[in-house]
């Protein structure tokens, strides 16, 4: 199991499964999260899966994460969890280029 350090704490990472993705999507819809808050929620959800004692709200997580770390943290968590690969697969299946639409 991989680990990531955020601030002065280290957290374990785990893989996501399809049920996790559906649960996150349902949460996004029910709570009407914008893209930035949903991005943070994905990171929090992934950390909570491997660290049940990890209890932060979106706002608390945003405050704890240094802006200079966000790209690294997002990439590490989403790569290890499989989320980036899942999103790429969906984009490929829809034949989309992010931000542009149909190829």
PDB file of N, CA and C in Angstrom:
ATOM      1  N   UNK A   1       0.842  -1.179   0.000  1.00  0.00           N
ATOM      2  CA  UNK A   1       0.000   0.000   0.000  1.00  0.00           C
ATOM      3  C   UNK A   1       0.886   1.241   0.000  1.00  0.00           C
ATOM      4  N   UNK A   2       0.580   2.176  -0.845  1.00  0.00           N
ATOM      5  CA  UNK A   2       1.350   3.406  -0.976  1.00  0.00           C
ATOM      6  C   UNK A   2       0.925   4.414   0.092  1.00  0.00           C
ATOM      7  N   UNK A   3       1.760   5.420   0.293  1.00  0.00           N
ATOM      8  CA  UNK A   3       1.472   6.475   1.263  1.00  0.00           C
ATOM      9  C   UNK A   3       1.754   7.829   0.633  1.00  0.00           C
ATOM     10  N   UNK A   4       1.123   8.854   1.197  1.00  0.00           N
ATOM     11  CA  UNK A   4       1.362  10.229   0.762  1.00  0.00           C
ATOM     12  C   UNK A   4       1.422  11.124   1.983  1.00  0.00           C
ATOM     13  N   UNK A   5       2.290  12.117   1.914  1.00  0.00           N
ATOM     14  CA  UNK A   5       2.423  13.063   3.013  1.00  0.00           C
ATOM     15  C   UNK A   5       1.728  14.363   2.618  1.00  0.00           C
ATOM     16  N   UNK A   6       0.833  14.812   3.488  1.00  0.00           N
ATOM     17  CA  UNK A   6       0.145  16.076   3.302  1.00  0.00           C
ATOM     18  C   UNK A   6       0.389  16.891   4.558  1.00  0.00           C
ATOM     19  N   UNK A   7       1.049  18.017   4.375  1.00  0.00           N
ATOM     20  CA  UNK A   7       1.456  18.797   5.544  1.00  0.00           C
ATOM     21  C   UNK A   7       2.458  17.998   6.347  1.00  0.00           C
ATOM     22  N   UNK A   8       2.179  17.792   7.618  1.00  0.00           N
ATOM     23  CA  UNK A   8       3.091  17.032   8.467  1.00  0.00           C
ATOM     24  C   UNK A   8       2.584  15.622   8.766  1.00  0.00           C
ATOM     25  N   UNK A   9       1.505  15.191   8.087  1.00  0.00           N
ATOM     26  CA  UNK A   9       0.949  13.864   8.334  1.00  0.00           C
ATOM     27  C   UNK A   9       1.077  12.979   7.096  1.00  0.00           C
ATOM     28  N   UNK A  10       1.243  11.689   7.354  1.00  0.00           N
ATOM     29  CA  UNK A  10       1.340  10.710   6.273  1.00  0.00           C
ATOM     30  C   UNK A  10       0.078   9.858   6.275  1.00  0.00           C
ATOM     31  N   UNK A  11      -0.449   9.593   5.080  1.00  0.00           N
ATOM     32  CA  UNK A  11      -1.680   8.830   4.929  1.00  0.00           C
ATOM     33  C   UNK A  11      -1.462   7.673   3.955  1.00  0.00           C
ATOM     34  N   UNK A  12      -2.157   6.571   4.218  1.00  0.00           N
ATOM     35  CA  UNK A  12      -2.133   5.430   3.310  1.00  0.00           C
ATOM     36  C   UNK A  12      -3.060   5.722   2.134  1.00  0.00           C
ATOM     37  N   UNK A  13      -2.780   5.085   1.001  1.00  0.00           N
ATOM     38  CA  UNK A  13      -3.630   5.191  -0.182  1.00  0.00           C
ATOM     39  C   UNK A  13      -4.145   3.806  -0.545  1.00  0.00           C
ATOM     40  N   UNK A  14      -5.346   3.760  -1.097  1.00  0.00           N
ATOM     41  CA  UNK A  14      -5.886   2.486  -1.556  1.00  0.00           C
ATOM     42  C   UNK A  14      -6.529   2.669  -2.922  1.00  0.00           C
ATOM     43  N   UNK A  15      -6.781   1.557  -3.580  1.00  0.00           N
ATOM     44  CA  UNK A  15      -7.408   1.570  -4.901  1.00  0.00           C
ATOM     45  C   UNK A  15      -8.904   1.803  -4.736  1.00  0.00           C
ATOM     46  N   UNK A  16      -9.489   2.455  -5.716  1.00  0.00           N
ATOM     47  CA  UNK A  16     -10.936   2.624  -5.764  1.00  0.00           C
ATOM     48  C   UNK A  16     -11.534   1.490  -6.583  1.00  0.00           C
ATOM     49  N   UNK A  17     -12.807   1.221  -6.359  1.00  0.00           N
ATOM     50  CA  UNK A  17     -13.521   0.280  -7.205  1.00  0.00           C
ATOM     51  C   UNK A  17     -14.699   1.023  -7.845  1.00  0.00           C
ATOM     52  N   UNK A  18     -15.406   0.348  -8.709  1.00  0.00           N
ATOM     53  CA  UNK A  18     -16.484   1.011  -9.439  1.00  0.00           C
ATOM     54  C   UNK A  18     -17.577   1.506  -8.497  1.00  0.00           C
ATOM     55  N   UNK A  19     -17.840   0.757  -7.435  1.00  0.00           N
ATOM     56  CA  UNK A  19     -18.830   1.178  -6.437  1.00  0.00           C
ATOM     57  C   UNK A  19     -18.434   2.524  -5.827  1.00  0.00           C
ATOM     58  N   UNK A  20     -17.143   2.715  -5.565  1.00  0.00           N
ATOM     59  CA  UNK A  20     -16.657   3.990  -5.025  1.00  0.00           C
ATOM     60  C   UNK A  20     -16.958   5.137  -5.983  1.00  0.00           C
ATOM     61  N   UNK A  21     -16.704   4.921  -7.265  1.00  0.00           N
ATOM     62  CA  UNK A  21     -16.928   5.964  -8.270  1.00  0.00           C
ATOM     63  C   UNK A  21     -18.412   6.329  -8.330  1.00  0.00           C
ATOM     64  N   UNK A  22     -19.272   5.330  -8.296  1.00  0.00           N
ATOM     65  CA  UNK A  22     -20.713   5.592  -8.318  1.00  0.00           C
ATOM     66  C   UNK A  22     -21.147   6.354  -7.070  1.00  0.00           C
ATOM     67  N   UNK A  23     -20.589   5.986  -5.934  1.00  0.00           N
ATOM     68  CA  UNK A  23     -20.920   6.656  -4.669  1.00  0.00           C
ATOM     69  C   UNK A  23     -20.479   8.122  -4.710  1.00  0.00           C
ATOM     70  N   UNK A  24     -19.266   8.372  -5.239  1.00  0.00           N
ATOM     71  CA  UNK A  24     -18.781   9.746  -5.351  1.00  0.00           C
ATOM     72  C   UNK A  24     -19.660  10.560  -6.296  1.00  0.00           C
ATOM     73  N   UNK A  25     -20.053   9.980  -7.413  1.00  0.00           N
ATOM     74  CA  UNK A  25     -20.891  10.678  -8.373  1.00  0.00           C
ATOM     75  C   UNK A  25     -22.261  11.005  -7.780  1.00  0.00           C
ATOM     76  N   UNK A  26     -22.826  10.057  -7.035  1.00  0.00           N
ATOM     77  CA  UNK A  26     -24.114  10.280  -6.375  1.00  0.00           C
ATOM     78  C   UNK A  26     -24.001  11.430  -5.362  1.00  0.00           C
ATOM     79  N   UNK A  27     -22.892  11.439  -4.595  1.00  0.00           N
ATOM     80  CA  UNK A  27     -22.652  12.510  -3.615  1.00  0.00           C
ATOM     81  C   UNK A  27     -22.550  13.862  -4.317  1.00  0.00           C
ATOM     82  N   UNK A  28     -21.851  13.879  -5.452  1.00  0.00           N
ATOM     83  CA  UNK A  28     -21.701  15.128  -6.214  1.00  0.00           C
ATOM     84  C   UNK A  28     -23.062  15.662  -6.645  1.00  0.00           C
ATOM     85  N   UNK A  29     -23.908  14.786  -7.172  1.00  0.00           N
ATOM     86  CA  UNK A  29     -25.234  15.186  -7.643  1.00  0.00           C
ATOM     87  C   UNK A  29     -26.107  15.664  -6.492  1.00  0.00           C
ATOM     88  N   UNK A  30     -26.155  14.881  -5.415  1.00  0.00           N
ATOM     89  CA  UNK A  30     -27.008  15.222  -4.277  1.00  0.00           C
ATOM     90  C   UNK A  30     -26.583  16.521  -3.602  1.00  0.00           C
ATOM     91  N   UNK A  31     -25.297  16.811  -3.585  1.00  0.00           N
ATOM     92  CA  UNK A  31     -24.785  17.995  -2.900  1.00  0.00           C
ATOM     93  C   UNK A  31     -24.455  19.141  -3.846  1.00  0.00           C
ATOM     94  N   UNK A  32     -24.755  18.944  -5.139  1.00  0.00           N
ATOM     95  CA  UNK A  32     -24.551  19.974  -6.163  1.00  0.00           C
ATOM     96  C   UNK A  32     -23.160  20.604  -6.068  1.00  0.00           C
ATOM     97  N   UNK A  33     -22.133  19.740  -6.046  1.00  0.00           N
ATOM     98  CA  UNK A  33     -20.756  20.222  -5.952  1.00  0.00           C
ATOM     99  C   UNK A  33     -20.281  20.752  -7.295  1.00  0.00           C
ATOM    100  N   UNK A  34     -19.561  21.865  -7.255  1.00  0.00           N
ATOM    101  CA  UNK A  34     -18.936  22.354  -8.480  1.00  0.00           C
ATOM    102  C   UNK A  34     -17.686  21.520  -8.749  1.00  0.00           C
ATOM    103  N   UNK A  35     -17.019  21.745  -9.866  1.00  0.00           N
ATOM    104  CA  UNK A  35     -15.876  20.925 -10.257  1.00  0.00           C
ATOM    105  C   UNK A  35     -14.735  20.979  -9.239  1.00  0.00           C
ATOM    106  N   UNK A  36     -14.449  22.163  -8.693  1.00  0.00           N
ATOM    107  CA  UNK A  36     -13.345  22.272  -7.732  1.00  0.00           C
ATOM    108  C   UNK A  36     -13.647  21.538  -6.434  1.00  0.00           C
ATOM    109  N   UNK A  37     -14.874  21.694  -5.904  1.00  0.00           N
ATOM    110  CA  UNK A  37     -15.226  20.974  -4.675  1.00  0.00           C
ATOM    111  C   UNK A  37     -15.287  19.474  -4.918  1.00  0.00           C
ATOM    112  N   UNK A  38     -15.757  19.059  -6.104  1.00  0.00           N
ATOM    113  CA  UNK A  38     -15.793  17.627  -6.401  1.00  0.00           C
ATOM    114  C   UNK A  38     -14.386  17.061  -6.486  1.00  0.00           C
ATOM    115  N   UNK A  39     -13.467  17.819  -7.057  1.00  0.00           N
ATOM    116  CA  UNK A  39     -12.064  17.404  -7.130  1.00  0.00           C
ATOM    117  C   UNK A  39     -11.522  17.155  -5.715  1.00  0.00           C
ATOM    118  N   UNK A  40     -11.794  18.084  -4.801  1.00  0.00           N
ATOM    119  CA  UNK A  40     -11.363  17.918  -3.406  1.00  0.00           C
ATOM    120  C   UNK A  40     -12.053  16.724  -2.774  1.00  0.00           C
ATOM    121  N   UNK A  41     -13.346  16.550  -3.030  1.00  0.00           N
ATOM    122  CA  UNK A  41     -14.092  15.427  -2.464  1.00  0.00           C
ATOM    123  C   UNK A  41     -13.499  14.086  -2.905  1.00  0.00           C
ATOM    124  N   UNK A  42     -13.084  13.968  -4.150  1.00  0.00           N
ATOM    125  CA  UNK A  42     -12.457  12.738  -4.639  1.00  0.00           C
ATOM    126  C   UNK A  42     -11.209  12.423  -3.808  1.00  0.00           C
ATOM    127  N   UNK A  43     -10.385  13.431  -3.558  1.00  0.00           N
ATOM    128  CA  UNK A  43      -9.168  13.234  -2.760  1.00  0.00           C
ATOM    129  C   UNK A  43      -9.519  12.817  -1.340  1.00  0.00           C
ATOM    130  N   UNK A  44     -10.480  13.506  -0.729  1.00  0.00           N
ATOM    131  CA  UNK A  44     -10.898  13.180   0.642  1.00  0.00           C
ATOM    132  C   UNK A  44     -11.453  11.761   0.706  1.00  0.00           C
ATOM    133  N   UNK A  45     -12.345  11.427  -0.219  1.00  0.00           N
ATOM    134  CA  UNK A  45     -12.958  10.090  -0.222  1.00  0.00           C
ATOM    135  C   UNK A  45     -11.889   9.005  -0.328  1.00  0.00           C
ATOM    136  N   UNK A  46     -10.932   9.216  -1.214  1.00  0.00           N
ATOM    137  CA  UNK A  46      -9.868   8.234  -1.413  1.00  0.00           C
ATOM    138  C   UNK A  46      -9.023   8.085  -0.159  1.00  0.00           C
ATOM    139  N   UNK A  47      -8.714   9.198   0.495  1.00  0.00           N
ATOM    140  CA  UNK A  47      -7.945   9.134   1.744  1.00  0.00           C
ATOM    141  C   UNK A  47      -8.754   8.467   2.854  1.00  0.00           C
ATOM    142  N   UNK A  48     -10.052   8.750   2.939  1.00  0.00           N
ATOM    143  CA  UNK A  48     -10.892   8.144   3.971  1.00  0.00           C
ATOM    144  C   UNK A  48     -11.025   6.637   3.794  1.00  0.00           C
ATOM    145  N   UNK A  49     -10.993   6.177   2.555  1.00  0.00           N
ATOM    146  CA  UNK A  49     -11.134   4.739   2.302  1.00  0.00           C
ATOM    147  C   UNK A  49     -10.011   3.953   2.972  1.00  0.00           C
ATOM    148  N   UNK A  50      -8.791   4.462   2.930  1.00  0.00           N
ATOM    149  CA  UNK A  50      -7.645   3.761   3.518  1.00  0.00           C
ATOM    150  C   UNK A  50      -7.332   4.234   4.933  1.00  0.00           C
ATOM    151  N   UNK A  51      -7.910   5.360   5.333  1.00  0.00           N
ATOM    152  CA  UNK A  51      -7.631   5.952   6.651  1.00  0.00           C
ATOM    153  C   UNK A  51      -8.960   6.329   7.301  1.00  0.00           C
ATOM    154  N   UNK A  52      -9.675   5.352   7.882  1.00  0.00           N
ATOM    155  CA  UNK A  52     -11.007   5.624   8.436  1.00  0.00           C
ATOM    156  C   UNK A  52     -11.035   6.754   9.476  1.00  0.00           C
ATOM    157  N   UNK A  53      -9.906   7.022  10.094  1.00  0.00           N
ATOM    158  CA  UNK A  53      -9.847   8.098  11.087  1.00  0.00           C
ATOM    159  C   UNK A  53      -9.653   9.475  10.451  1.00  0.00           C
ATOM    160  N   UNK A  54      -9.483   9.527   9.128  1.00  0.00           N
ATOM    161  CA  UNK A  54      -9.311  10.794   8.411  1.00  0.00           C
ATOM    162  C   UNK A  54     -10.672  11.482   8.327  1.00  0.00           C
ATOM    163  N   UNK A  55     -10.829  12.558   9.073  1.00  0.00           N
ATOM    164  CA  UNK A  55     -12.114  13.265   9.123  1.00  0.00           C
ATOM    165  C   UNK A  55     -11.887  14.738   8.840  1.00  0.00           C
ATOM    166  N   UNK A  56     -12.013  15.128   7.574  1.00  0.00           N
ATOM    167  CA  UNK A  56     -11.907  16.536   7.199  1.00  0.00           C
ATOM    168  C   UNK A  56     -13.043  16.879   6.256  1.00  0.00           C
ATOM    169  N   UNK A  57     -13.543  18.086   6.405  1.00  0.00           N
ATOM    170  CA  UNK A  57     -14.512  18.594   5.442  1.00  0.00           C
ATOM    171  C   UNK A  57     -13.737  19.103   4.227  1.00  0.00           C
ATOM    172  N   UNK A  58     -14.461  19.440   3.188  1.00  0.00           N
ATOM    173  CA  UNK A  58     -13.826  20.001   1.995  1.00  0.00           C
ATOM    174  C   UNK A  58     -13.077  21.278   2.371  1.00  0.00           C
ATOM    175  N   UNK A  59     -13.711  22.143   3.159  1.00  0.00           N
ATOM    176  CA  UNK A  59     -13.060  23.395   3.553  1.00  0.00           C
ATOM    177  C   UNK A  59     -11.809  23.145   4.390  1.00  0.00           C
ATOM    178  N   UNK A  60     -11.876  22.202   5.331  1.00  0.00           N
ATOM    179  CA  UNK A  60     -10.707  21.899   6.173  1.00  0.00           C
ATOM    180  C   UNK A  60      -9.558  21.343   5.331  1.00  0.00           C
ATOM    181  N   UNK A  61      -9.885  20.477   4.384  1.00  0.00           N
ATOM    182  CA  UNK A  61      -8.857  19.902   3.520  1.00  0.00           C
ATOM    183  C   UNK A  61      -8.214  20.991   2.662  1.00  0.00           C
ATOM    184  N   UNK A  62      -9.052  21.870   2.102  1.00  0.00           N
ATOM    185  CA  UNK A  62      -8.536  22.963   1.284  1.00  0.00           C
ATOM    186  C   UNK A  62      -7.578  23.849   2.079  1.00  0.00           C
ATOM    187  N   UNK A  63      -7.901  24.098   3.343  1.00  0.00           N
ATOM    188  CA  UNK A  63      -7.033  24.920   4.193  1.00  0.00           C
ATOM    189  C   UNK A  63      -5.735  24.198   4.551  1.00  0.00           C
ATOM    190  N   UNK A  64      -5.802  22.883   4.718  1.00  0.00           N
ATOM    191  CA  UNK A  64      -4.619  22.112   5.118  1.00  0.00           C
ATOM    192  C   UNK A  64      -3.634  21.909   3.971  1.00  0.00           C
ATOM    193  N   UNK A  65      -4.116  21.985   2.746  1.00  0.00           N
ATOM    194  CA  UNK A  65      -3.288  21.687   1.585  1.00  0.00           C
ATOM    195  C   UNK A  65      -2.665  22.954   1.015  1.00  0.00           C
ATOM    196  N   UNK A  66      -1.358  22.997   1.017  1.00  0.00           N
ATOM    197  CA  UNK A  66      -0.621  24.129   0.447  1.00  0.00           C
ATOM    198  C   UNK A  66      -0.864  24.157  -1.062  1.00  0.00           C
ATOM    199  N   UNK A  67      -1.125  25.327  -1.605  1.00  0.00           N
ATOM    200  CA  UNK A  67      -1.419  25.469  -3.034  1.00  0.00           C
ATOM    201  C   UNK A  67      -0.287  24.915  -3.903  1.00  0.00           C
ATOM    202  N   UNK A  68       0.931  24.967  -3.395  1.00  0.00           N
ATOM    203  CA  UNK A  68       2.066  24.432  -4.153  1.00  0.00           C
ATOM    204  C   UNK A  68       2.084  22.909  -4.191  1.00  0.00           C
ATOM    205  N   UNK A  69       1.324  22.261  -3.304  1.00  0.00           N
ATOM    206  CA  UNK A  69       1.277  20.791  -3.251  1.00  0.00           C
ATOM    207  C   UNK A  69       0.130  20.198  -4.054  1.00  0.00           C
ATOM    208  N   UNK A  70      -0.866  20.992  -4.408  1.00  0.00           N
ATOM    209  CA  UNK A  70      -2.102  20.439  -4.948  1.00  0.00           C
ATOM    210  C   UNK A  70      -1.903  19.565  -6.173  1.00  0.00           C
ATOM    211  N   UNK A  71      -1.103  20.001  -7.129  1.00  0.00           N
ATOM    212  CA  UNK A  71      -0.918  19.195  -8.339  1.00  0.00           C
ATOM    213  C   UNK A  71      -0.272  17.857  -8.018  1.00  0.00           C
ATOM    214  N   UNK A  72       0.748  17.873  -7.160  1.00  0.00           N
ATOM    215  CA  UNK A  72       1.426  16.630  -6.773  1.00  0.00           C
ATOM    216  C   UNK A  72       0.472  15.707  -6.014  1.00  0.00           C
ATOM    217  N   UNK A  73      -0.235  16.249  -5.026  1.00  0.00           N
ATOM    218  CA  UNK A  73      -1.151  15.447  -4.207  1.00  0.00           C
ATOM    219  C   UNK A  73      -2.245  14.852  -5.072  1.00  0.00           C
ATOM    220  N   UNK A  74      -2.859  15.666  -5.920  1.00  0.00           N
ATOM    221  CA  UNK A  74      -3.932  15.178  -6.791  1.00  0.00           C
ATOM    222  C   UNK A  74      -3.431  14.059  -7.701  1.00  0.00           C
ATOM    223  N   UNK A  75      -2.278  14.269  -8.321  1.00  0.00           N
ATOM    224  CA  UNK A  75      -1.741  13.261  -9.233  1.00  0.00           C
ATOM    225  C   UNK A  75      -1.422  11.964  -8.502  1.00  0.00           C
ATOM    226  N   UNK A  76      -0.748  12.048  -7.373  1.00  0.00           N
ATOM    227  CA  UNK A  76      -0.377  10.848  -6.618  1.00  0.00           C
ATOM    228  C   UNK A  76      -1.605  10.056  -6.171  1.00  0.00           C
ATOM    229  N   UNK A  77      -2.575  10.756  -5.590  1.00  0.00           N
ATOM    230  CA  UNK A  77      -3.776  10.073  -5.085  1.00  0.00           C
ATOM    231  C   UNK A  77      -4.587   9.500  -6.235  1.00  0.00           C
ATOM    232  N   UNK A  78      -4.838  10.301  -7.269  1.00  0.00           N
ATOM    233  CA  UNK A  78      -5.667   9.826  -8.377  1.00  0.00           C
ATOM    234  C   UNK A  78      -4.980   8.760  -9.219  1.00  0.00           C
ATOM    235  N   UNK A  79      -3.656   8.833  -9.353  1.00  0.00           N
ATOM    236  CA  UNK A  79      -2.940   7.777 -10.076  1.00  0.00           C
ATOM    237  C   UNK A  79      -2.986   6.468  -9.299  1.00  0.00           C
ATOM    238  N   UNK A  80      -2.654   6.521  -8.009  1.00  0.00           N
ATOM    239  CA  UNK A  80      -2.620   5.277  -7.231  1.00  0.00           C
ATOM    240  C   UNK A  80      -4.007   4.662  -7.090  1.00  0.00           C
ATOM    241  N   UNK A  81      -5.027   5.500  -6.902  1.00  0.00           N
ATOM    242  CA  UNK A  81      -6.387   4.989  -6.693  1.00  0.00           C
ATOM    243  C   UNK A  81      -6.969   4.386  -7.967  1.00  0.00           C
ATOM    244  N   UNK A  82      -6.438   4.768  -9.121  1.00  0.00           N
ATOM    245  CA  UNK A  82      -6.970   4.298 -10.396  1.00  0.00           C
ATOM    246  C   UNK A  82      -7.956   5.278 -11.011  1.00  0.00           C
ATOM    247  N   UNK A  83      -8.247   6.371 -10.310  1.00  0.00           N
ATOM    248  CA  UNK A  83      -9.244   7.319 -10.788  1.00  0.00           C
ATOM    249  C   UNK A  83      -8.830   7.961 -12.109  1.00  0.00           C
ATOM    250  N   UNK A  84      -7.567   8.355 -12.248  1.00  0.00           N
ATOM    251  CA  UNK A  84      -7.120   8.974 -13.505  1.00  0.00           C
ATOM    252  C   UNK A  84      -7.281   8.027 -14.683  1.00  0.00           C
ATOM    253  N   UNK A  85      -6.950   6.763 -14.484  1.00  0.00           N
ATOM    254  CA  UNK A  85      -7.081   5.770 -15.559  1.00  0.00           C
ATOM    255  C   UNK A  85      -8.555   5.577 -15.928  1.00  0.00           C
ATOM    256  N   UNK A  86      -9.422   5.576 -14.913  1.00  0.00           N
ATOM    257  CA  UNK A  86     -10.857   5.424 -15.147  1.00  0.00           C
ATOM    258  C   UNK A  86     -11.394   6.595 -15.974  1.00  0.00           C
ATOM    259  N   UNK A  87     -11.030   7.825 -15.597  1.00  0.00           N
ATOM    260  CA  UNK A  87     -11.497   9.009 -16.317  1.00  0.00           C
ATOM    261  C   UNK A  87     -10.986   9.006 -17.752  1.00  0.00           C
ATOM    262  N   UNK A  88      -9.724   8.631 -17.955  1.00  0.00           N
ATOM    263  CA  UNK A  88      -9.168   8.565 -19.306  1.00  0.00           C
ATOM    264  C   UNK A  88      -9.934   7.557 -20.149  1.00  0.00           C
ATOM    265  N   UNK A  89     -10.280   6.419 -19.564  1.00  0.00           N
ATOM    266  CA  UNK A  89     -11.031   5.386 -20.275  1.00  0.00           C
ATOM    267  C   UNK A  89     -12.393   5.923 -20.714  1.00  0.00           C
ATOM    268  N   UNK A  90     -13.074   6.635 -19.810  1.00  0.00           N
ATOM    269  CA  UNK A  90     -14.381   7.214 -20.137  1.00  0.00           C
ATOM    270  C   UNK A  90     -14.239   8.229 -21.263  1.00  0.00           C
ATOM    271  N   UNK A  91     -13.222   9.084 -21.198  1.00  0.00           N
ATOM    272  CA  UNK A  91     -13.007  10.078 -22.251  1.00  0.00           C
ATOM    273  C   UNK A  91     -12.724   9.399 -23.579  1.00  0.00           C
ATOM    274  N   UNK A  92     -11.899   8.343 -23.559  1.00  0.00           N
ATOM    275  CA  UNK A  92     -11.593   7.618 -24.789  1.00  0.00           C
ATOM    276  C   UNK A  92     -12.844   6.970 -25.377  1.00  0.00           C
ATOM    277  N   UNK A  93     -13.682   6.388 -24.503  1.00  0.00           N
ATOM    278  CA  UNK A  93     -14.896   5.732 -24.969  1.00  0.00           C
ATOM    279  C   UNK A  93     -15.865   6.730 -25.591  1.00  0.00           C
ATOM    280  N   UNK A  94     -15.893   7.932 -25.046  1.00  0.00           N
ATOM    281  CA  UNK A  94     -16.781   8.963 -25.583  1.00  0.00           C
ATOM    282  C   UNK A  94     -16.141   9.698 -26.749  1.00  0.00           C
ATOM    283  N   UNK A  95     -14.868   9.331 -27.036  1.00  0.00           N
ATOM    284  CA  UNK A  95     -14.137   9.967 -28.121  1.00  0.00           C
ATOM    285  C   UNK A  95     -14.058  11.482 -27.936  1.00  0.00           C
ATOM    286  N   UNK A  96     -13.752  11.875 -26.682  1.00  0.00           N
ATOM    287  CA  UNK A  96     -13.696  13.297 -26.351  1.00  0.00           C
ATOM    288  C   UNK A  96     -12.272  13.736 -26.061  1.00  0.00           C
ATOM    289  N   UNK A  97     -12.013  14.969 -26.325  1.00  0.00           N
ATOM    290  CA  UNK A  97     -10.780  15.617 -25.914  1.00  0.00           C
ATOM    291  C   UNK A  97     -11.198  16.597 -24.814  1.00  0.00           C
ATOM    292  N   UNK A  98     -10.617  16.492 -23.606  1.00  0.00           N
ATOM    293  CA  UNK A  98     -11.052  17.371 -22.514  1.00  0.00           C
ATOM    294  C   UNK A  98     -11.062  18.839 -22.922  1.00  0.00           C
ATOM    295  N   UNK A  99     -12.182  19.508 -22.637  1.00  0.00           N
ATOM    296  CA  UNK A  99     -12.309  20.927 -22.925  1.00  0.00           C
ATOM    297  C   UNK A  99     -12.665  21.261 -24.363  1.00  0.00           C
ATOM    298  N   UNK A 100     -12.718  20.244 -25.237  1.00  0.00           N
ATOM    299  CA  UNK A 100     -12.963  20.536 -26.649  1.00  0.00           C
ATOM    300  C   UNK A 100     -14.240  19.866 -27.147  1.00  0.00           C
ATOM    301  N   UNK A 101     -14.490  18.633 -26.763  1.00  0.00           N
ATOM    302  CA  UNK A 101     -15.676  17.916 -27.242  1.00  0.00           C
ATOM    303  C   UNK A 101     -15.287  16.836 -28.226  1.00  0.00           C
ATOM    304  N   UNK A 102     -16.166  16.508 -29.128  1.00  0.00           N
ATOM    305  CA  UNK A 102     -15.925  15.438 -30.087  1.00  0.00           C
ATOM    306  C   UNK A 102     -14.681  15.711 -30.920  1.00  0.00           C
ATOM    307  N   UNK A 103     -13.920  14.641 -31.176  1.00  0.00           N
ATOM    308  CA  UNK A 103     -12.728  14.747 -32.015  1.00  0.00           C
ATOM    309  C   UNK A 103     -13.144  14.881 -33.466  1.00  0.00           C
TER     310      UNK A 103
END
